[in-house]
Amino acid sequence: MAPKIVLITSIPSPYRITVFDELNKHLNSNFIVLYTSKSIPTFNWNAPVLKHAHHFINENDGHPLVKNKGILNKLKKINPDVIITCGFNKTMLKAMFYGIINKKKLIANTDAWELNEKSYSSLHIIIRKIMYKRMHAFIPVSKKGFDNFLRYNIKKEKIFISHYAIDNEYFSKFITSEKSFDIMFSGQFIDRKMPLFFCDIAIQLNKLIPSLKVLLLGDGELKEEVINKLKSNDVNFHYAGFIQKEELPKYYSSSKLFLFPTKLDSWGVVANDACAVGVPVLTTDNSGAAGDLVINDYNGYVLPLDINLWTEKINELLHNNLKYSSFSSNCLNQIKKYNSNEAAEGILNAVNFALK
């Protein structure tokens, strides 16, 4: 009888369900995803169509980190051979203890890396050290995540990368050389995502390029401040608001460059979105995708958070057609490796290793 695999995660995120749907092709009903919630307030995605076996443990919308009493009953009913947990909240810890007591194969799947863990308390680190010793395999989403597991003295052969992935084929339909905007921002308008840093760059670029056109996607508490700052400095911009995933490709492809400053991003799927339509990305090493999907001076730039340096590199790319064309082509080549099939294979390899 084929082994049953259960993966426990928070919500049906667009960048994860493509991978889960791919896993379903390989494992059919033997792969089941347990979602702890249908949505969270910070993301207004339309309800996706899920092509994989799944259950919502908590049918009420809300934050997924709440205490969930249904996880143990669901695990007992399914009786999986392998349990993949995504994080260390109370729900995940319950699943881990269930797995240990019932001698199930346990796999840790996380997008965290060293910069994430700098904010963790000593207790959080101790819990990880204890639980990782009971795990049979590990699934990070990035090279930085791989290196972070090594910091816990986990053997390399137990670690299998499974990147976040979008529907590259769907995005490729929107690739175009016709550009309406020079630079764009996409994400939550919150301090961690640094939209005001983006504004400072746009203002400085506007002095060098009077015809500069800026695109803004997203929403958040800093939205009005961002808009007012650009207006007061006479920057020509278009604010499109929060965009559903089906509409995203046409917006990304309408810009020449994608700017992705951040104080911390475990990965940064926005970089996938840009690369999938051939738009070079400028980011910082604070993103998990930096040095992985986004390679410095290949398909974009990985830069320190220096406004002058970002302005210089952007201005250069916008005026160097040969280099821009090379970066754009490299984006399309680079994104090929970051697809749902490769991501699913990483999870399958971890499962097979754990079962052996």
Protein backbone atom coordinates (compact mmCIF):
# COMPACT_ATOMS: atom_id res chain seq x y z
CA MET A 1 0.00 0.00 0.00
CA ALA A 2 1.30 3.44 -0.92
CA PRO A 3 2.33 5.60 2.05
CA LYS A 4 0.08 8.47 3.10
CA ILE A 5 1.67 11.90 3.31
CA VAL A 6 0.14 14.80 5.22
CA LEU A 7 1.43 18.36 4.91
CA ILE A 8 0.20 20.94 7.43
CA THR A 9 0.35 24.61 6.48
CA SER A 10 -1.48 27.88 7.12
CA ILE A 11 -3.52 29.00 4.08
CA PRO A 12 -3.82 28.11 0.37
CA SER A 13 -1.14 30.52 -0.88
CA PRO A 14 -0.94 30.92 -4.69
CA TYR A 15 2.79 30.13 -4.66
CA ARG A 16 2.22 26.86 -2.80
CA ILE A 17 -0.93 25.39 -4.32
CA THR A 18 0.75 25.04 -7.72
CA VAL A 19 3.31 22.76 -6.05
CA PHE A 20 0.65 20.84 -4.11
CA ASP A 21 -1.34 20.33 -7.31
CA GLU A 22 1.82 18.96 -8.93
CA LEU A 23 2.36 16.58 -5.99
CA ASN A 24 -1.20 15.36 -6.42
CA LYS A 25 -0.29 14.17 -9.94
CA HIS A 26 2.37 11.92 -8.43
CA LEU A 27 0.66 10.81 -5.23
CA ASN A 28 -3.07 11.24 -5.89
CA SER A 29 -5.20 10.91 -2.75
CA ASN A 30 -2.20 9.67 -0.75
CA PHE A 31 -1.07 13.29 -0.44
CA ILE A 32 -3.30 15.44 1.77
CA VAL A 33 -2.83 19.08 2.77
CA LEU A 34 -4.28 20.25 6.07
CA TYR A 35 -4.86 24.01 6.06
CA THR A 36 -5.25 25.72 9.42
CA SER A 37 -7.30 28.53 7.89
CA LYS A 38 -8.90 29.63 4.63
CA SER A 39 -7.36 33.10 4.68
CA ILE A 40 -5.74 35.79 6.80
CA PRO A 41 -6.69 39.49 6.85
CA THR A 42 -3.41 40.72 5.32
CA PHE A 43 -4.03 38.85 2.04
CA ASN A 44 -7.18 39.41 0.01
CA TRP A 45 -6.64 36.69 -2.57
CA ASN A 46 -9.69 35.22 -4.27
CA ALA A 47 -10.51 31.69 -3.14
CA PRO A 48 -8.34 29.41 -5.32
CA VAL A 49 -9.34 26.18 -7.03
CA LEU A 50 -7.50 23.38 -5.23
CA LYS A 51 -6.65 20.32 -7.32
CA HIS A 52 -5.26 18.29 -4.44
CA ALA A 53 -6.81 16.46 -1.49
CA HIS A 54 -7.19 18.86 1.40
CA HIS A 55 -9.04 19.73 4.59
CA PHE A 56 -9.53 23.01 6.44
CA ILE A 57 -9.02 22.20 10.09
CA ASN A 58 -10.44 25.54 11.15
CA GLU A 59 -13.34 26.53 8.91
CA ASN A 60 -13.44 30.06 10.35
CA ASP A 61 -11.45 32.76 8.59
CA GLY A 62 -8.78 34.31 10.75
CA HIS A 63 -5.11 34.20 11.62
CA PRO A 64 -3.67 30.67 11.19
CA LEU A 65 -1.49 30.81 14.31
CA VAL A 66 -4.42 30.31 16.64
CA LYS A 67 -4.65 27.24 18.83
CA ASN A 68 -6.34 24.48 16.85
CA LYS A 69 -8.04 21.60 18.60
CA GLY A 70 -8.88 19.66 15.44
CA ILE A 71 -5.38 18.70 14.29
CA LEU A 72 -4.99 15.59 16.46
CA ASN A 73 -8.40 14.20 15.53
CA LYS A 74 -7.67 14.77 11.84
CA LEU A 75 -4.27 13.04 12.07
CA LYS A 76 -5.78 10.07 13.92
CA LYS A 77 -8.44 9.72 11.23
CA ILE A 78 -5.99 9.91 8.31
CA ASN A 79 -3.23 7.91 10.04
CA PRO A 80 -0.43 9.20 7.76
CA ASP A 81 2.96 7.56 7.35
CA VAL A 82 4.70 10.92 6.85
CA ILE A 83 3.89 14.28 8.46
CA ILE A 84 5.34 17.46 6.98
CA THR A 85 5.05 20.47 9.28
CA CYS A 86 5.53 24.09 8.21
CA GLY A 87 6.60 26.08 11.25
CA PHE A 88 6.52 25.84 15.03
CA ASN A 89 3.20 27.24 16.18
CA LYS A 90 1.02 25.25 18.59
CA THR A 91 -0.76 23.37 15.82
CA MET A 92 2.55 22.25 14.28
CA LEU A 93 3.98 21.23 17.67
CA LYS A 94 0.90 19.10 18.37
CA ALA A 95 1.39 17.38 15.02
CA MET A 96 5.08 16.79 15.80
CA PHE A 97 4.30 15.22 19.18
CA TYR A 98 1.62 13.06 17.57
CA GLY A 99 4.21 11.92 15.04
CA ILE A 100 6.82 11.14 17.68
CA ILE A 101 4.41 9.20 19.90
CA ASN A 102 3.00 7.22 16.96
CA LYS A 103 6.37 6.68 15.30
CA LYS A 104 5.59 8.54 12.10
CA LYS A 105 8.18 9.98 9.75
CA LEU A 106 8.55 13.71 10.45
CA ILE A 107 9.75 16.32 7.97
CA ALA A 108 10.33 20.02 8.67
CA ASN A 109 9.42 22.43 5.86
CA THR A 110 10.30 26.08 6.50
CA ASP A 111 11.24 29.22 4.60
CA ALA A 112 13.18 30.59 7.59
CA TRP A 113 16.91 31.28 7.42
CA GLU A 114 19.56 32.96 9.55
CA LEU A 115 18.16 36.50 9.33
CA ASN A 116 14.69 35.30 10.38
CA GLU A 117 16.11 33.49 13.37
CA LYS A 118 17.95 36.53 14.70
CA SER A 119 14.60 37.74 16.00
CA TYR A 120 13.72 34.40 17.66
CA SER A 121 13.86 34.02 21.42
CA SER A 122 16.18 31.54 23.11
CA LEU A 123 13.16 29.33 23.78
CA HIS A 124 12.25 29.24 20.08
CA ILE A 125 15.79 28.17 19.19
CA ILE A 126 15.87 25.51 21.91
CA ILE A 127 12.56 24.06 20.68
CA ARG A 128 13.97 23.81 17.16
CA LYS A 129 17.14 22.11 18.36
CA ILE A 130 15.09 19.54 20.28
CA MET A 131 12.57 18.85 17.53
CA TYR A 132 15.07 18.77 14.67
CA LYS A 133 16.78 15.83 16.36
CA ARG A 134 13.53 13.88 15.94
CA MET A 135 13.04 14.82 12.27
CA HIS A 136 13.82 12.45 9.39
CA ALA A 137 14.24 15.04 6.59
CA PHE A 138 14.24 18.80 6.04
CA ILE A 139 12.80 21.03 3.31
CA PRO A 140 14.02 24.64 3.04
CA VAL A 141 12.86 26.91 0.21
CA SER A 142 16.23 28.54 -0.49
CA LYS A 143 19.99 28.08 -0.39
CA LYS A 144 19.99 30.31 2.68
CA GLY A 145 17.50 27.96 4.30
CA PHE A 146 19.73 25.01 3.39
CA ASP A 147 22.70 26.71 5.06
CA ASN A 148 20.55 27.51 8.10
CA PHE A 149 19.75 23.84 8.64
CA LEU A 150 23.49 23.13 8.51
CA ARG A 151 23.89 25.51 11.44
CA TYR A 152 21.85 23.00 13.46
CA ASN A 153 24.39 20.29 12.54
CA ILE A 154 21.92 18.56 10.24
CA LYS A 155 23.58 16.36 7.64
CA LYS A 156 23.45 17.63 4.04
CA GLU A 157 21.95 14.40 2.74
CA LYS A 158 18.83 15.02 4.87
CA ILE A 159 18.12 18.44 3.31
CA PHE A 160 16.09 18.86 0.11
CA ILE A 161 15.32 22.32 -1.31
CA SER A 162 11.80 23.00 -2.58
CA HIS A 163 11.57 26.56 -3.86
CA TYR A 164 8.39 28.58 -3.90
CA ALA A 165 6.98 28.50 -7.41
CA ILE A 166 4.39 30.31 -9.49
CA ASP A 167 2.71 29.29 -12.75
CA ASN A 168 5.59 30.26 -15.06
CA GLU A 169 3.74 29.09 -18.16
CA TYR A 170 0.79 31.37 -17.42
CA PHE A 171 3.06 34.36 -16.78
CA SER A 172 4.99 33.73 -20.01
CA LYS A 173 1.87 34.56 -22.03
CA PHE A 174 2.20 38.20 -20.94
CA ILE A 175 5.83 38.82 -21.91
CA THR A 176 6.12 41.99 -23.99
CA SER A 177 8.69 44.60 -25.01
CA GLU A 178 6.04 47.34 -24.76
CA LYS A 179 6.61 49.07 -21.44
CA SER A 180 4.42 51.74 -19.86
CA PHE A 181 6.49 52.17 -16.68
CA ASP A 182 10.17 52.42 -15.79
CA ILE A 183 10.13 51.05 -12.24
CA MET A 184 7.55 49.34 -10.06
CA PHE A 185 6.84 48.36 -6.46
CA SER A 186 4.63 45.41 -5.53
CA GLY A 187 3.83 44.29 -2.01
CA GLN A 188 2.41 45.32 1.32
CA PHE A 189 2.79 49.00 2.14
CA ILE A 190 4.39 48.30 5.51
CA ASP A 191 7.73 49.29 7.03
CA ARG A 192 9.35 45.86 6.51
CA LYS A 193 8.71 46.07 2.75
CA MET A 194 10.32 49.53 2.59
CA PRO A 195 7.93 51.38 0.25
CA LEU A 196 9.31 54.72 1.48
CA PHE A 197 12.81 53.64 0.45
CA PHE A 198 11.32 52.96 -2.97
CA CYS A 199 9.82 56.47 -2.95
CA ASP A 200 13.21 58.02 -2.19
CA ILE A 201 14.71 56.22 -5.16
CA ALA A 202 11.84 57.28 -7.43
CA ILE A 203 12.25 60.91 -6.33
CA GLN A 204 15.99 60.85 -6.99
CA LEU A 205 15.54 59.10 -10.34
CA ASN A 206 12.92 61.62 -11.33
CA LYS A 207 15.57 64.34 -11.17
CA LEU A 208 17.73 62.37 -13.61
CA ILE A 209 14.87 61.13 -15.79
CA PRO A 210 12.09 63.76 -15.97
CA SER A 211 9.94 61.36 -18.02
CA LEU A 212 10.11 58.68 -15.30
CA LYS A 213 6.93 56.64 -14.85
CA VAL A 214 6.28 54.62 -11.71
CA LEU A 215 3.86 51.74 -10.99
CA LEU A 216 2.62 50.81 -7.50
CA LEU A 217 0.83 47.55 -6.61
CA GLY A 218 -0.41 46.55 -3.18
CA ASP A 219 -1.97 48.01 -0.08
CA GLY A 220 -1.20 48.65 3.56
CA GLU A 221 -0.89 51.15 6.37
CA LEU A 222 1.74 53.28 4.59
CA LYS A 223 -0.24 53.66 1.36
CA GLU A 224 -1.34 57.27 1.91
CA GLU A 225 2.12 58.32 3.03
CA VAL A 226 3.68 56.75 -0.08
CA ILE A 227 1.17 58.36 -2.43
CA ASN A 228 1.49 61.78 -0.80
CA LYS A 229 5.27 61.60 -0.90
CA LEU A 230 5.34 60.87 -4.62
CA LYS A 231 2.72 63.54 -5.33
CA SER A 232 4.53 66.23 -3.37
CA ASN A 233 7.72 65.52 -5.33
CA ASP A 234 6.00 65.58 -8.73
CA VAL A 235 6.71 61.93 -9.53
CA ASN A 236 4.52 60.55 -12.31
CA PHE A 237 3.00 57.37 -10.86
CA HIS A 238 0.04 55.04 -11.20
CA TYR A 239 -1.38 53.30 -8.13
CA ALA A 240 -3.25 50.15 -9.20
CA GLY A 241 -4.12 48.88 -5.71
CA PHE A 242 -4.23 45.24 -4.63
CA ILE A 243 -4.13 42.97 -7.69
CA GLN A 244 -5.38 39.38 -7.82
CA LYS A 245 -2.86 36.79 -9.01
CA GLU A 246 -4.60 36.24 -12.35
CA GLU A 247 -4.06 39.90 -13.25
CA LEU A 248 -0.52 40.24 -11.91
CA PRO A 249 1.45 39.21 -15.05
CA LYS A 250 0.19 42.06 -17.21
CA TYR A 251 1.17 44.60 -14.55
CA TYR A 252 4.66 43.18 -14.05
CA SER A 253 5.29 42.97 -17.77
CA SER A 254 4.29 46.64 -18.19
CA SER A 255 7.37 47.78 -16.22
CA LYS A 256 11.02 47.79 -17.24
CA LEU A 257 12.41 47.10 -13.76
CA PHE A 258 11.10 45.64 -10.51
CA LEU A 259 12.43 47.11 -7.26
CA PHE A 260 12.29 44.77 -4.27
CA PRO A 261 13.80 46.46 -1.20
CA THR A 262 13.08 44.72 2.10
CA LYS A 263 14.21 44.56 5.70
CA LEU A 264 13.40 40.84 5.70
CA ASP A 265 11.71 38.42 3.32
CA SER A 266 11.99 34.69 3.82
CA TRP A 267 11.91 34.36 0.03
CA GLY A 268 10.01 36.99 -1.98
CA VAL A 269 7.66 35.47 -4.57
CA VAL A 270 7.37 38.93 -6.14
CA ALA A 271 10.81 38.23 -7.61
CA ASN A 272 9.39 35.11 -9.29
CA ASP A 273 6.56 37.21 -10.72
CA ALA A 274 8.99 39.70 -12.26
CA CYS A 275 11.49 37.17 -13.60
CA ALA A 276 8.69 35.12 -15.18
CA VAL A 277 7.93 38.01 -17.56
CA GLY A 278 11.57 38.95 -18.14
CA VAL A 279 11.69 41.96 -15.82
CA PRO A 280 15.08 42.41 -14.06
CA VAL A 281 14.95 42.61 -10.26
CA LEU A 282 16.86 44.85 -7.88
CA THR A 283 16.83 43.59 -4.31
CA THR A 284 18.89 43.33 -1.15
CA ASP A 285 20.53 40.39 0.60
CA ASN A 286 17.74 40.61 3.18
CA SER A 287 15.56 38.58 0.80
CA GLY A 288 15.80 34.81 0.58
CA ALA A 289 15.60 34.97 -3.22
CA ALA A 290 18.78 37.08 -3.38
CA GLY A 291 21.73 35.02 -4.58
CA ASP A 292 19.32 32.20 -5.46
CA LEU A 293 16.72 33.33 -7.99
CA VAL A 294 18.16 36.84 -8.30
CA ILE A 295 21.86 36.74 -9.19
CA ASN A 296 23.81 39.97 -8.87
CA ASP A 297 24.83 41.45 -12.23
CA TYR A 298 23.16 38.58 -14.10
CA ASN A 299 19.40 39.04 -14.03
CA GLY A 300 19.34 41.97 -11.66
CA TYR A 301 21.26 43.40 -8.74
CA VAL A 302 21.64 42.43 -5.08
CA LEU A 303 22.58 45.69 -3.39
CA PRO A 304 23.01 47.16 0.08
CA LEU A 305 20.21 49.52 1.07
CA ASP A 306 21.91 52.64 -0.28
CA ILE A 307 19.62 55.02 -2.18
CA ASN A 308 22.45 56.49 -4.27
CA LEU A 309 23.71 53.07 -5.33
CA TRP A 310 20.24 51.84 -6.28
CA THR A 311 19.62 55.03 -8.25
CA GLU A 312 22.93 54.64 -10.07
CA LYS A 313 22.29 51.01 -11.06
CA ILE A 314 18.71 51.69 -12.15
CA ASN A 315 19.71 54.69 -14.23
CA GLU A 316 22.43 52.63 -15.88
CA LEU A 317 20.07 49.78 -16.76
CA LEU A 318 17.42 52.10 -18.14
CA HIS A 319 19.93 53.68 -20.48
CA ASN A 320 21.96 50.61 -21.47
CA ASN A 321 19.76 48.67 -23.88
CA LEU A 322 22.28 45.89 -24.42
CA LYS A 323 22.70 45.19 -20.71
CA TYR A 324 18.98 45.48 -20.06
CA SER A 325 18.23 43.00 -22.83
CA SER A 326 20.81 40.59 -21.40
CA PHE A 327 19.36 40.86 -17.89
CA SER A 328 15.82 40.36 -19.20
CA SER A 329 16.81 37.25 -21.14
CA ASN A 330 18.66 35.91 -18.10
CA CYS A 331 15.52 36.35 -16.00
CA LEU A 332 13.62 34.02 -18.30
CA ASN A 333 16.44 31.47 -18.23
CA GLN A 334 16.79 31.66 -14.45
CA ILE A 335 13.08 31.24 -13.68
CA LYS A 336 12.96 27.95 -15.59
CA LYS A 337 14.60 26.23 -12.61
CA TYR A 338 12.03 27.64 -10.22
CA ASN A 339 8.93 25.77 -11.32
CA SER A 340 6.26 23.67 -9.59
CA ASN A 341 7.67 20.41 -10.94
CA GLU A 342 11.15 21.04 -9.48
CA ALA A 343 9.59 22.19 -6.19
CA ALA A 344 7.41 19.08 -6.01
CA GLU A 345 10.44 16.90 -6.72
CA GLY A 346 12.24 18.41 -3.73
CA ILE A 347 9.36 17.41 -1.44
CA LEU A 348 9.14 13.93 -3.00
CA ASN A 349 12.86 13.40 -2.50
CA ALA A 350 12.54 14.36 1.16
CA VAL A 351 9.62 11.98 1.61
CA ASN A 352 11.45 9.08 -0.07
CA PHE A 353 14.53 9.73 2.04
CA ALA A 354 12.47 9.77 5.25
CA LEU A 355 10.72 6.54 4.36
CA LYS A 356 14.01 4.79 3.68
